Amino acid sequence: MTSKQRAYLKSLAMTIDPVLQIGKFSMTPELTGAVQEALDARELIKINVLKNCADDPRAIAEMLAERTHSQVVQVIGKKIVLYKEGKNEKKKIELPR
């Protein structure tokens, strides 16, 4: 992913609300499944890491990206933005070249 594409995805992420929250139980198989479903439906998602989660948000983002075959767009504070390109018929976001 180029820096131009990343900047475009960041600008899109500014307007969306978090679709998932990660709490004190941190990474669970159910959470990974929920992230996968959200990425399949939306391509670009924002996740909120709650204060009672002891894990580092950047480490959580990397782990989620690896497990869901997606890309980390950004991690700011306790907010994670992930992107996974949709299949041809479900593709909603057109990245700049």
C-alpha atoms as a PDB file:
ATOM      1  CA  MET A   1       0.000   0.000   0.000  1.00  0.00           C
ATOM      2  CA  THR A   2       1.409   3.363  -0.997  1.00  0.00           C
ATOM      3  CA  SER A   3       1.423   6.429   1.237  1.00  0.00           C
ATOM      4  CA  LYS A   4      -1.123   8.080  -1.070  1.00  0.00           C
ATOM      5  CA  GLN A   5      -3.494   5.127  -0.685  1.00  0.00           C
ATOM      6  CA  ARG A   6      -2.968   5.088   3.080  1.00  0.00           C
ATOM      7  CA  ALA A   7      -3.727   8.828   3.288  1.00  0.00           C
ATOM      8  CA  TYR A   8      -6.919   8.296   1.268  1.00  0.00           C
ATOM      9  CA  LEU A   9      -8.060   5.492   3.591  1.00  0.00           C
ATOM     10  CA  LYS A  10      -7.258   7.641   6.647  1.00  0.00           C
ATOM     11  CA  SER A  11      -9.455  10.411   5.263  1.00  0.00           C
ATOM     12  CA  LEU A  12     -12.308   7.933   4.764  1.00  0.00           C
ATOM     13  CA  ALA A  13     -11.811   6.547   8.272  1.00  0.00           C
ATOM     14  CA  MET A  14     -12.222  10.003   9.816  1.00  0.00           C
ATOM     15  CA  THR A  15     -15.961   9.936   9.121  1.00  0.00           C
ATOM     16  CA  ILE A  16     -16.794   6.388  10.238  1.00  0.00           C
ATOM     17  CA  ASP A  17     -17.681   5.269  13.753  1.00  0.00           C
ATOM     18  CA  PRO A  18     -16.033   2.290  15.471  1.00  0.00           C
ATOM     19  CA  VAL A  19     -17.870  -0.955  14.676  1.00  0.00           C
ATOM     20  CA  LEU A  20     -16.186  -3.069  17.370  1.00  0.00           C
ATOM     21  CA  GLN A  21     -14.788  -2.604  20.841  1.00  0.00           C
ATOM     22  CA  ILE A  22     -12.002  -4.615  22.437  1.00  0.00           C
ATOM     23  CA  GLY A  23     -12.297  -4.980  26.206  1.00  0.00           C
ATOM     24  CA  LYS A  24     -10.494  -6.713  29.031  1.00  0.00           C
ATOM     25  CA  PHE A  25     -10.551 -10.148  27.365  1.00  0.00           C
ATOM     26  CA  SER A  26      -8.545  -8.684  24.459  1.00  0.00           C
ATOM     27  CA  MET A  27      -7.993 -11.156  21.596  1.00  0.00           C
ATOM     28  CA  THR A  28     -10.469 -14.020  21.374  1.00  0.00           C
ATOM     29  CA  PRO A  29     -11.428 -16.250  18.432  1.00  0.00           C
ATOM     30  CA  GLU A  30     -14.882 -14.653  18.496  1.00  0.00           C
ATOM     31  CA  LEU A  31     -13.352 -11.188  18.129  1.00  0.00           C
ATOM     32  CA  THR A  32     -11.254 -12.324  15.179  1.00  0.00           C
ATOM     33  CA  GLY A  33     -14.377 -13.768  13.536  1.00  0.00           C
ATOM     34  CA  ALA A  34     -16.310 -10.553  14.119  1.00  0.00           C
ATOM     35  CA  VAL A  35     -13.488  -8.472  12.613  1.00  0.00           C
ATOM     36  CA  GLN A  36     -13.378 -10.800   9.587  1.00  0.00           C
ATOM     37  CA  GLU A  37     -17.138 -10.446   9.045  1.00  0.00           C
ATOM     38  CA  ALA A  38     -16.987  -6.661   9.393  1.00  0.00           C
ATOM     39  CA  LEU A  39     -14.101  -6.436   6.906  1.00  0.00           C
ATOM     40  CA  ASP A  40     -15.943  -8.634   4.409  1.00  0.00           C
ATOM     41  CA  ALA A  41     -19.004  -6.395   4.671  1.00  0.00           C
ATOM     42  CA  ARG A  42     -17.322  -2.964   4.760  1.00  0.00           C
ATOM     43  CA  GLU A  43     -13.668  -3.196   3.621  1.00  0.00           C
ATOM     44  CA  LEU A  44     -12.635  -0.354   5.989  1.00  0.00           C
ATOM     45  CA  ILE A  45     -13.399  -0.592   9.718  1.00  0.00           C
ATOM     46  CA  LYS A  46     -12.520   1.281  12.868  1.00  0.00           C
ATOM     47  CA  ILE A  47     -12.061  -0.542  16.185  1.00  0.00           C
ATOM     48  CA  ASN A  48     -12.043   1.048  19.619  1.00  0.00           C
ATOM     49  CA  VAL A  49      -9.771  -0.421  22.331  1.00  0.00           C
ATOM     50  CA  LEU A  50     -11.324   0.198  25.742  1.00  0.00           C
ATOM     51  CA  LYS A  51      -9.373   1.470  28.747  1.00  0.00           C
ATOM     52  CA  ASN A  52      -9.716  -1.835  30.623  1.00  0.00           C
ATOM     53  CA  CYS A  53      -7.751  -3.671  27.895  1.00  0.00           C
ATOM     54  CA  ALA A  54      -4.179  -4.157  29.111  1.00  0.00           C
ATOM     55  CA  ASP A  55      -2.683  -4.981  25.689  1.00  0.00           C
ATOM     56  CA  ASP A  56      -0.987  -2.489  23.383  1.00  0.00           C
ATOM     57  CA  PRO A  57      -3.336  -1.309  20.580  1.00  0.00           C
ATOM     58  CA  ARG A  58      -0.535  -1.499  17.984  1.00  0.00           C
ATOM     59  CA  ALA A  59       0.167  -5.145  18.897  1.00  0.00           C
ATOM     60  CA  ILE A  60      -3.558  -5.936  18.717  1.00  0.00           C
ATOM     61  CA  ALA A  61      -3.778  -4.248  15.304  1.00  0.00           C
ATOM     62  CA  GLU A  62      -0.849  -6.250  13.926  1.00  0.00           C
ATOM     63  CA  MET A  63      -2.287  -9.505  15.272  1.00  0.00           C
ATOM     64  CA  LEU A  64      -5.747  -8.782  13.822  1.00  0.00           C
ATOM     65  CA  ALA A  65      -4.270  -7.825  10.460  1.00  0.00           C
ATOM     66  CA  GLU A  66      -2.277 -11.046  10.343  1.00  0.00           C
ATOM     67  CA  ARG A  67      -5.245 -13.238  11.317  1.00  0.00           C
ATOM     68  CA  THR A  68      -7.728 -11.568   8.927  1.00  0.00           C
ATOM     69  CA  HIS A  69      -5.266 -11.009   6.037  1.00  0.00           C
ATOM     70  CA  SER A  70      -5.943  -7.262   6.151  1.00  0.00           C
ATOM     71  CA  GLN A  71      -3.753  -4.173   6.430  1.00  0.00           C
ATOM     72  CA  VAL A  72      -3.335  -1.750   9.308  1.00  0.00           C
ATOM     73  CA  VAL A  73      -4.128   1.733   8.028  1.00  0.00           C
ATOM     74  CA  GLN A  74      -3.419   3.527  11.291  1.00  0.00           C
ATOM     75  CA  VAL A  75      -3.364   3.227  15.056  1.00  0.00           C
ATOM     76  CA  ILE A  76      -4.005   6.477  16.924  1.00  0.00           C
ATOM     77  CA  GLY A  77      -4.271   6.209  20.683  1.00  0.00           C
ATOM     78  CA  LYS A  78      -6.844   3.494  21.288  1.00  0.00           C
ATOM     79  CA  LYS A  79      -8.361   3.530  17.779  1.00  0.00           C
ATOM     80  CA  ILE A  80      -7.402   0.988  15.122  1.00  0.00           C
ATOM     81  CA  VAL A  81      -8.277   1.275  11.428  1.00  0.00           C
ATOM     82  CA  LEU A  82      -8.063  -1.855   9.257  1.00  0.00           C
ATOM     83  CA  TYR A  83      -8.551  -2.272   5.508  1.00  0.00           C
ATOM     84  CA  LYS A  84      -9.114  -5.383   3.448  1.00  0.00           C
ATOM     85  CA  GLU A  85      -9.797  -5.110  -0.259  1.00  0.00           C
ATOM     86  CA  GLY A  86     -13.138  -6.626  -1.175  1.00  0.00           C
ATOM     87  CA  LYS A  87     -13.771  -9.211  -3.847  1.00  0.00           C
ATOM     88  CA  ASN A  88     -14.591  -7.895  -7.331  1.00  0.00           C
ATOM     89  CA  GLU A  89     -18.369  -7.911  -6.919  1.00  0.00           C
ATOM     90  CA  LYS A  90     -18.229  -6.527  -3.345  1.00  0.00           C
ATOM     91  CA  LYS A  91     -15.555  -3.882  -3.935  1.00  0.00           C
ATOM     92  CA  LYS A  92     -16.744  -0.518  -2.579  1.00  0.00           C
ATOM     93  CA  ILE A  93     -13.569   1.518  -2.131  1.00  0.00           C
ATOM     94  CA  GLU A  94     -11.492   2.458  -5.165  1.00  0.00           C
ATOM     95  CA  LEU A  95      -7.924   3.246  -4.088  1.00  0.00           C
ATOM     96  CA  PRO A  96      -5.942   5.951  -5.928  1.00  0.00           C
ATOM     97  CA  ARG A  97      -3.034   4.692  -7.999  1.00  0.00           C
END
